[in-house]
Structure formats: C-alpha cells, structure tokens
Amino acid sequence: MADATTTPATPAPAKPAAAPRNKKQKRSVPAGQLHIQATFNNTIVSFTDKKGNVLTQSSAGATGFRGSKKGTAYAAQIAAEKAAEVAKGQFGMQAVDVFVKGVGMGRDAAIRALGAFDITIDSIKEVTGVPHGGVRPRKARRG
C-alpha cells in the first residue's frame, strides 16, 4: 500500500473587512405633493417630493380595512393620517400641493385629515382622467 501523505490544511484567506456603510442621511423635504387616488374599492394616499418621487404611501387596505370597508371615507381618513404621520415625522413635510384622482368617497376625507398634522395645503388640483370619445360602442343588436 502506498504511504498516504497528507498535507496540512492551509487556513482559508481571511475575508477583507467589509467597507463601513455610510449612514443614510435624514432627508428633509419641507414642501412636496400629496397624490390621492380614490376609487370605489380603495383609496391610495402618496406623499412625494416636488419631482414626484414617492416618500411614503398608505392605503385603506394597508391600514387593515378589508372588503367593502376599504372604499369608505373613514378608511381614507385613516390612510391619510398614517401617511401624513410618516411624512411629517421622517421628512419634515410642511406644505403640499394636492392632486386628487378618482371618484371614490375618500376624496375629501383624505384632504381633511391633513388638518390634524399642521400640513399646509397650497393647492388642490383635480387630475381625474376624462374620456374624450370613450371606447367603441357595441355592435347593433339584430332583431
């Protein structure tokens, strides 16, 4: 039998030390935009900076409402309060331009919820899409 020579195990090369990560800067956005999309089934509230980059968002579904309760004005109010709390606390939001889209019940409730957070509303703009001509009608019924 051949004499098995074993080589001593060489230690694995040490991993280079990970570069220290830079701590994320706390971003201050004193003025921004509030986008409210109110449908019959849900209300989505998004706080963005002036360019439209989303800072924080919430919806009636994300706040715990389910089913037909998501489309209510109260659910929209709670969603707006949750998003405003983060926008005010983390980003220092003080003034917003409001853009409302959709026909749901949460349109006004979401805007009114900002009053409790001392966020100034500079303007309110309606951006709901309006069909110009709409879709092609069904073919005529044969009789």
N, C-alpha and C. Protein backbone atom coordinates (compact mmCIF):
# COMPACT_ATOMS: atom_id res chain seq x y z
N MET A 1 0.83 -1.17 0.00
CA MET A 1 0.00 0.00 0.00
C MET A 1 0.88 1.23 0.00
N ALA A 2 0.42 2.22 -0.73
CA ALA A 2 1.18 3.46 -0.82
C ALA A 2 0.99 4.26 0.45
N ASP A 3 2.06 4.90 0.83
CA ASP A 3 2.00 5.71 2.04
C ASP A 3 1.28 7.01 1.71
N ALA A 4 0.13 7.21 2.33
CA ALA A 4 -0.65 8.42 2.05
C ALA A 4 -0.06 9.58 2.82
N THR A 5 0.40 10.53 2.07
CA THR A 5 0.91 11.73 2.73
C THR A 5 -0.18 12.79 2.71
N THR A 6 -0.43 13.30 3.84
CA THR A 6 -1.46 14.34 3.91
C THR A 6 -0.79 15.68 4.11
N THR A 7 -1.29 16.61 3.38
CA THR A 7 -0.76 17.97 3.54
C THR A 7 -1.59 18.68 4.59
N PRO A 8 -0.95 19.41 5.44
CA PRO A 8 -1.73 20.12 6.44
C PRO A 8 -2.66 21.13 5.78
N ALA A 9 -3.86 21.22 6.31
CA ALA A 9 -4.85 22.14 5.74
C ALA A 9 -4.39 23.57 5.94
N THR A 10 -4.37 24.29 4.86
CA THR A 10 -3.96 25.71 4.97
C THR A 10 -5.19 26.52 5.33
N PRO A 11 -5.01 27.46 6.22
CA PRO A 11 -6.17 28.26 6.60
C PRO A 11 -6.67 29.08 5.41
N ALA A 12 -7.99 29.21 5.32
CA ALA A 12 -8.58 29.98 4.22
C ALA A 12 -8.19 31.44 4.38
N PRO A 13 -7.95 32.11 3.26
CA PRO A 13 -7.58 33.52 3.38
C PRO A 13 -8.72 34.31 4.03
N ALA A 14 -8.35 35.20 4.91
CA ALA A 14 -9.36 35.99 5.63
C ALA A 14 -10.10 36.91 4.66
N LYS A 15 -11.39 37.01 4.88
CA LYS A 15 -12.17 37.90 4.02
C LYS A 15 -11.78 39.34 4.30
N PRO A 16 -11.72 40.14 3.26
CA PRO A 16 -11.42 41.55 3.51
C PRO A 16 -12.55 42.17 4.34
N ALA A 17 -12.16 43.03 5.21
CA ALA A 17 -13.16 43.67 6.08
C ALA A 17 -14.14 44.46 5.22
N ALA A 18 -15.42 44.28 5.53
CA ALA A 18 -16.45 44.99 4.76
C ALA A 18 -16.30 46.49 4.97
N ALA A 19 -16.42 47.22 3.88
CA ALA A 19 -16.31 48.67 3.99
C ALA A 19 -17.47 49.20 4.84
N PRO A 20 -17.18 50.09 5.75
CA PRO A 20 -18.27 50.59 6.60
C PRO A 20 -19.31 51.31 5.75
N ARG A 21 -20.58 50.97 6.01
CA ARG A 21 -21.64 51.59 5.23
C ARG A 21 -21.93 52.98 5.75
N ASN A 22 -22.16 53.86 4.82
CA ASN A 22 -22.49 55.22 5.22
C ASN A 22 -23.90 55.24 5.76
N LYS A 23 -24.10 55.93 6.86
CA LYS A 23 -25.42 56.01 7.45
C LYS A 23 -26.29 56.87 6.55
N LYS A 24 -27.51 56.41 6.32
CA LYS A 24 -28.42 57.12 5.42
C LYS A 24 -28.75 58.48 6.00
N GLN A 25 -28.59 59.50 5.19
CA GLN A 25 -28.88 60.85 5.64
C GLN A 25 -30.37 61.04 5.82
N LYS A 26 -30.74 61.74 6.88
CA LYS A 26 -32.15 62.04 7.08
C LYS A 26 -32.52 63.13 6.09
N ARG A 27 -33.45 62.82 5.22
CA ARG A 27 -33.81 63.72 4.15
C ARG A 27 -34.87 64.69 4.62
N SER A 28 -34.67 65.96 4.34
CA SER A 28 -35.63 66.98 4.73
C SER A 28 -36.35 67.48 3.48
N VAL A 29 -37.67 67.30 3.45
CA VAL A 29 -38.47 67.75 2.31
C VAL A 29 -39.59 68.63 2.86
N PRO A 30 -39.35 69.93 3.00
CA PRO A 30 -40.37 70.80 3.60
C PRO A 30 -41.62 70.97 2.74
N ALA A 31 -41.47 70.89 1.43
CA ALA A 31 -42.63 71.06 0.53
C ALA A 31 -42.66 69.91 -0.46
N GLY A 32 -43.86 69.41 -0.73
CA GLY A 32 -43.98 68.29 -1.65
C GLY A 32 -45.37 68.21 -2.24
N GLN A 33 -45.74 67.00 -2.64
CA GLN A 33 -47.03 66.77 -3.27
C GLN A 33 -47.74 65.64 -2.54
N LEU A 34 -49.07 65.71 -2.54
CA LEU A 34 -49.90 64.65 -2.00
C LEU A 34 -50.79 64.16 -3.13
N HIS A 35 -50.66 62.89 -3.46
CA HIS A 35 -51.48 62.30 -4.52
C HIS A 35 -52.51 61.38 -3.86
N ILE A 36 -53.78 61.63 -4.16
CA ILE A 36 -54.87 60.82 -3.61
C ILE A 36 -55.58 60.15 -4.77
N GLN A 37 -55.59 58.82 -4.78
CA GLN A 37 -56.34 58.08 -5.79
C GLN A 37 -57.50 57.40 -5.08
N ALA A 38 -58.69 57.91 -5.33
CA ALA A 38 -59.88 57.42 -4.64
C ALA A 38 -60.77 56.67 -5.62
N THR A 39 -60.82 55.35 -5.46
CA THR A 39 -61.70 54.54 -6.28
C THR A 39 -62.87 54.09 -5.42
N PHE A 40 -63.79 53.36 -6.01
CA PHE A 40 -64.93 52.87 -5.24
C PHE A 40 -64.49 51.77 -4.26
N ASN A 41 -63.37 51.09 -4.56
CA ASN A 41 -62.94 49.95 -3.76
C ASN A 41 -61.81 50.25 -2.79
N ASN A 42 -61.07 51.33 -2.99
CA ASN A 42 -59.90 51.61 -2.14
C ASN A 42 -59.50 53.06 -2.31
N THR A 43 -58.67 53.56 -1.40
CA THR A 43 -58.10 54.90 -1.50
C THR A 43 -56.62 54.79 -1.23
N ILE A 44 -55.80 55.30 -2.14
CA ILE A 44 -54.35 55.26 -2.02
C ILE A 44 -53.85 56.68 -1.85
N VAL A 45 -53.04 56.91 -0.81
CA VAL A 45 -52.51 58.23 -0.49
C VAL A 45 -50.99 58.16 -0.57
N SER A 46 -50.37 59.05 -1.37
CA SER A 46 -48.92 59.04 -1.54
C SER A 46 -48.36 60.44 -1.34
N PHE A 47 -47.34 60.57 -0.50
CA PHE A 47 -46.61 61.82 -0.34
C PHE A 47 -45.36 61.72 -1.18
N THR A 48 -45.11 62.74 -2.02
CA THR A 48 -43.95 62.74 -2.90
C THR A 48 -43.20 64.07 -2.72
N ASP A 49 -41.98 64.11 -3.26
CA ASP A 49 -41.28 65.38 -3.30
C ASP A 49 -41.79 66.17 -4.51
N LYS A 50 -41.20 67.32 -4.77
CA LYS A 50 -41.70 68.18 -5.86
C LYS A 50 -41.53 67.54 -7.24
N LYS A 51 -40.59 66.61 -7.36
CA LYS A 51 -40.38 65.94 -8.65
C LYS A 51 -41.33 64.77 -8.86
N GLY A 52 -41.99 64.30 -7.78
CA GLY A 52 -42.90 63.18 -7.90
C GLY A 52 -42.34 61.87 -7.39
N ASN A 53 -41.15 61.90 -6.77
CA ASN A 53 -40.57 60.68 -6.20
C ASN A 53 -41.26 60.36 -4.88
N VAL A 54 -41.80 59.17 -4.75
CA VAL A 54 -42.60 58.82 -3.58
C VAL A 54 -41.73 58.74 -2.33
N LEU A 55 -42.18 59.43 -1.27
CA LEU A 55 -41.51 59.39 0.03
C LEU A 55 -42.18 58.37 0.93
N THR A 56 -43.52 58.43 1.00
CA THR A 56 -44.28 57.49 1.81
C THR A 56 -45.66 57.35 1.21
N GLN A 57 -46.27 56.19 1.44
CA GLN A 57 -47.62 55.97 0.91
C GLN A 57 -48.37 55.05 1.84
N SER A 58 -49.68 55.13 1.76
CA SER A 58 -50.53 54.25 2.54
C SER A 58 -51.83 54.08 1.77
N SER A 59 -52.59 53.08 2.16
CA SER A 59 -53.88 52.87 1.52
C SER A 59 -54.85 52.34 2.55
N ALA A 60 -56.11 52.36 2.21
CA ALA A 60 -57.13 51.85 3.12
C ALA A 60 -56.90 50.37 3.39
N GLY A 61 -56.47 49.64 2.40
CA GLY A 61 -56.20 48.22 2.58
C GLY A 61 -54.99 47.98 3.47
N ALA A 62 -53.96 48.84 3.36
CA ALA A 62 -52.75 48.69 4.16
C ALA A 62 -52.99 49.03 5.63
N THR A 63 -54.03 49.79 5.92
CA THR A 63 -54.31 50.15 7.31
C THR A 63 -55.20 49.13 8.00
N GLY A 64 -55.57 48.06 7.31
CA GLY A 64 -56.30 46.98 7.95
C GLY A 64 -57.75 46.83 7.55
N PHE A 65 -58.24 47.70 6.69
CA PHE A 65 -59.63 47.57 6.24
C PHE A 65 -59.70 46.52 5.15
N ARG A 66 -60.76 45.75 5.14
CA ARG A 66 -60.92 44.70 4.15
C ARG A 66 -62.30 44.79 3.51
N GLY A 67 -62.39 44.28 2.30
CA GLY A 67 -63.68 44.20 1.61
C GLY A 67 -64.25 45.57 1.29
N SER A 68 -65.55 45.70 1.45
CA SER A 68 -66.23 46.94 1.06
C SER A 68 -65.90 48.10 1.99
N LYS A 69 -65.33 47.82 3.16
CA LYS A 69 -64.97 48.90 4.09
C LYS A 69 -63.81 49.74 3.56
N LYS A 70 -63.00 49.17 2.65
CA LYS A 70 -61.87 49.91 2.10
C LYS A 70 -62.30 51.14 1.32
N GLY A 71 -63.48 51.11 0.75
CA GLY A 71 -63.94 52.22 -0.07
C GLY A 71 -64.59 53.34 0.71
N THR A 72 -64.63 53.27 2.04
CA THR A 72 -65.33 54.28 2.83
C THR A 72 -64.45 55.50 3.07
N ALA A 73 -65.10 56.59 3.45
CA ALA A 73 -64.40 57.84 3.74
C ALA A 73 -63.55 57.70 5.00
N TYR A 74 -64.03 56.95 5.98
CA TYR A 74 -63.28 56.77 7.21
C TYR A 74 -61.97 56.03 6.95
N ALA A 75 -62.01 55.02 6.11
CA ALA A 75 -60.80 54.28 5.77
C ALA A 75 -59.79 55.18 5.07
N ALA A 76 -60.27 56.08 4.21
CA ALA A 76 -59.38 57.02 3.53
C ALA A 76 -58.76 57.99 4.52
N GLN A 77 -59.53 58.41 5.51
CA GLN A 77 -59.03 59.32 6.54
C GLN A 77 -57.90 58.66 7.34
N ILE A 78 -58.09 57.42 7.73
CA ILE A 78 -57.06 56.70 8.49
C ILE A 78 -55.81 56.51 7.64
N ALA A 79 -55.97 56.19 6.37
CA ALA A 79 -54.83 56.01 5.47
C ALA A 79 -54.05 57.31 5.32
N ALA A 80 -54.76 58.43 5.17
CA ALA A 80 -54.10 59.73 5.02
C ALA A 80 -53.36 60.11 6.31
N GLU A 81 -53.95 59.81 7.46
CA GLU A 81 -53.30 60.12 8.73
C GLU A 81 -52.01 59.32 8.90
N LYS A 82 -52.05 58.06 8.52
CA LYS A 82 -50.88 57.19 8.65
C LYS A 82 -49.74 57.70 7.76
N ALA A 83 -50.05 58.05 6.51
CA ALA A 83 -49.03 58.54 5.60
C ALA A 83 -48.51 59.92 6.03
N ALA A 84 -49.41 60.78 6.52
CA ALA A 84 -49.02 62.12 6.95
C ALA A 84 -48.11 62.07 8.17
N GLU A 85 -48.35 61.11 9.04
CA GLU A 85 -47.52 60.96 10.24
C GLU A 85 -46.07 60.68 9.86
N VAL A 86 -45.87 59.81 8.89
CA VAL A 86 -44.52 59.49 8.43
C VAL A 86 -43.91 60.68 7.68
N ALA A 87 -44.71 61.32 6.82
CA ALA A 87 -44.21 62.44 6.03
C ALA A 87 -43.78 63.59 6.93
N LYS A 88 -44.55 63.86 7.96
CA LYS A 88 -44.24 64.95 8.89
C LYS A 88 -43.06 64.58 9.78
N GLY A 89 -43.05 63.35 10.30
CA GLY A 89 -42.02 62.94 11.24
C GLY A 89 -40.67 62.69 10.60
N GLN A 90 -40.62 61.87 9.56
CA GLN A 90 -39.35 61.49 8.95
C GLN A 90 -38.81 62.53 7.97
N PHE A 91 -39.69 63.20 7.25
CA PHE A 91 -39.24 64.08 6.19
C PHE A 91 -39.49 65.56 6.47
N GLY A 92 -40.17 65.89 7.55
CA GLY A 92 -40.41 67.29 7.90
C GLY A 92 -41.32 68.01 6.92
N MET A 93 -42.28 67.30 6.37
CA MET A 93 -43.19 67.90 5.38
C MET A 93 -44.05 68.98 6.05
N GLN A 94 -44.09 70.17 5.43
CA GLN A 94 -44.85 71.28 5.99
C GLN A 94 -45.92 71.80 5.04
N ALA A 95 -45.70 71.67 3.74
CA ALA A 95 -46.65 72.19 2.76
C ALA A 95 -46.76 71.21 1.60
N VAL A 96 -47.98 71.06 1.08
CA VAL A 96 -48.20 70.14 -0.04
C VAL A 96 -49.12 70.75 -1.08
N ASP A 97 -48.93 70.30 -2.31
CA ASP A 97 -49.88 70.52 -3.39
C ASP A 97 -50.64 69.21 -3.53
N VAL A 98 -51.96 69.26 -3.51
CA VAL A 98 -52.77 68.05 -3.51
C VAL A 98 -53.27 67.76 -4.93
N PHE A 99 -53.11 66.52 -5.37
CA PHE A 99 -53.61 66.06 -6.65
C PHE A 99 -54.60 64.93 -6.40
N VAL A 100 -55.86 65.15 -6.76
CA VAL A 100 -56.93 64.18 -6.48
C VAL A 100 -57.31 63.49 -7.78
N LYS A 101 -57.37 62.15 -7.72
CA LYS A 101 -57.73 61.38 -8.91
C LYS A 101 -58.77 60.34 -8.51
N GLY A 102 -59.84 60.26 -9.25
CA GLY A 102 -60.85 59.25 -8.99
C GLY A 102 -62.14 59.81 -8.45
N VAL A 103 -63.11 58.91 -8.26
CA VAL A 103 -64.47 59.33 -7.92
C VAL A 103 -64.97 58.72 -6.62
N GLY A 104 -64.06 58.15 -5.81
CA GLY A 104 -64.48 57.46 -4.59
C GLY A 104 -64.87 58.40 -3.46
N MET A 105 -65.35 57.79 -2.37
CA MET A 105 -65.81 58.56 -1.21
C MET A 105 -64.66 59.16 -0.42
N GLY A 106 -63.45 58.70 -0.60
CA GLY A 106 -62.34 59.14 0.21
C GLY A 106 -61.66 60.42 -0.23
N ARG A 107 -62.16 61.04 -1.27
CA ARG A 107 -61.51 62.25 -1.80
C ARG A 107 -61.38 63.35 -0.75
N ASP A 108 -62.51 63.77 -0.19
CA ASP A 108 -62.49 64.89 0.75
C ASP A 108 -61.92 64.47 2.10
N ALA A 109 -62.23 63.26 2.53
CA ALA A 109 -61.79 62.81 3.85
C ALA A 109 -60.28 62.78 3.96
N ALA A 110 -59.60 62.38 2.90
CA ALA A 110 -58.14 62.32 2.93
C ALA A 110 -57.54 63.72 3.04
N ILE A 111 -58.15 64.69 2.37
CA ILE A 111 -57.64 66.06 2.44
C ILE A 111 -57.88 66.65 3.83
N ARG A 112 -59.06 66.41 4.39
CA ARG A 112 -59.39 66.95 5.71
C ARG A 112 -58.51 66.37 6.80
N ALA A 113 -58.02 65.16 6.60
CA ALA A 113 -57.18 64.51 7.62
C ALA A 113 -55.86 65.24 7.82
N LEU A 114 -55.42 66.03 6.84
CA LEU A 114 -54.16 66.75 6.97
C LEU A 114 -54.23 67.86 8.00
N GLY A 115 -55.43 68.32 8.32
CA GLY A 115 -55.59 69.41 9.27
C GLY A 115 -55.01 69.09 10.64
N ALA A 116 -55.04 67.84 11.05
CA ALA A 116 -54.54 67.45 12.36
C ALA A 116 -53.02 67.44 12.41
N PHE A 117 -52.35 67.49 11.27
CA PHE A 117 -50.89 67.38 11.25
C PHE A 117 -50.20 68.70 10.90
N ASP A 118 -50.94 69.79 10.85
CA ASP A 118 -50.37 71.11 10.54
C ASP A 118 -49.58 71.10 9.24
N ILE A 119 -50.12 70.45 8.23
CA ILE A 119 -49.51 70.46 6.90
C ILE A 119 -50.34 71.42 6.05
N THR A 120 -49.70 72.46 5.56
CA THR A 120 -50.39 73.48 4.78
C THR A 120 -50.70 72.96 3.39
N ILE A 121 -51.92 73.21 2.94
CA ILE A 121 -52.31 72.83 1.58
C ILE A 121 -52.20 74.06 0.69
N ASP A 122 -51.24 74.03 -0.25
CA ASP A 122 -51.02 75.16 -1.13
C ASP A 122 -52.04 75.20 -2.26
N SER A 123 -52.34 74.04 -2.84
CA SER A 123 -53.31 74.00 -3.94
C SER A 123 -53.94 72.61 -3.99
N ILE A 124 -55.12 72.56 -4.58
CA ILE A 124 -55.81 71.29 -4.81
C ILE A 124 -56.13 71.22 -6.29
N LYS A 125 -55.69 70.15 -6.93
CA LYS A 125 -55.89 70.02 -8.37
C LYS A 125 -56.57 68.69 -8.67
N GLU A 126 -57.56 68.75 -9.53
CA GLU A 126 -58.30 67.56 -9.97
C GLU A 126 -57.60 66.98 -11.20
N VAL A 127 -57.16 65.73 -11.12
CA VAL A 127 -56.45 65.12 -12.24
C VAL A 127 -57.12 63.84 -12.72
N THR A 128 -58.42 63.70 -12.43
CA THR A 128 -59.16 62.52 -12.87
C THR A 128 -59.22 62.48 -14.39
N GLY A 129 -58.94 61.34 -14.96
CA GLY A 129 -58.98 61.21 -16.41
C GLY A 129 -60.41 61.28 -16.93
N VAL A 130 -60.58 61.98 -18.05
CA VAL A 130 -61.90 62.11 -18.67
C VAL A 130 -61.80 61.54 -20.08
N PRO A 131 -62.64 60.56 -20.42
CA PRO A 131 -62.56 60.00 -21.77
C PRO A 131 -63.05 61.00 -22.82
N HIS A 132 -62.30 61.16 -23.88
CA HIS A 132 -62.68 62.03 -24.99
C HIS A 132 -63.09 61.14 -26.15
N GLY A 133 -64.34 60.73 -26.15
CA GLY A 133 -64.80 59.83 -27.19
C GLY A 133 -65.07 58.44 -26.64
N GLY A 134 -64.32 58.04 -25.66
CA GLY A 134 -64.57 56.77 -24.99
C GLY A 134 -64.23 55.56 -25.83
N VAL A 135 -64.75 54.42 -25.40
CA VAL A 135 -64.48 53.17 -26.10
C VAL A 135 -65.50 52.98 -27.22
N ARG A 136 -65.17 52.04 -28.11
CA ARG A 136 -66.04 51.77 -29.24
C ARG A 136 -67.33 51.13 -28.74
N PRO A 137 -68.50 51.59 -29.21
CA PRO A 137 -69.76 51.03 -28.75
C PRO A 137 -69.97 49.61 -29.30
N ARG A 138 -70.84 48.85 -28.64
CA ARG A 138 -71.15 47.51 -29.08
C ARG A 138 -71.86 47.54 -30.42
N LYS A 139 -71.73 46.44 -31.16
CA LYS A 139 -72.42 46.40 -32.45
C LYS A 139 -73.94 46.36 -32.24
N ALA A 140 -74.68 46.82 -33.22
CA ALA A 140 -76.15 46.93 -33.10
C ALA A 140 -76.76 45.54 -32.97
N ARG A 141 -77.78 45.45 -32.16
CA ARG A 141 -78.46 44.19 -31.93
C ARG A 141 -79.29 43.83 -33.16
N ARG A 142 -79.21 42.55 -33.57
CA ARG A 142 -80.00 42.09 -34.72
C ARG A 142 -81.36 41.69 -34.22
N GLY A 143 -82.34 41.99 -35.01
CA GLY A 143 -83.65 41.71 -34.50
C GLY A 143 -84.53 41.02 -35.42
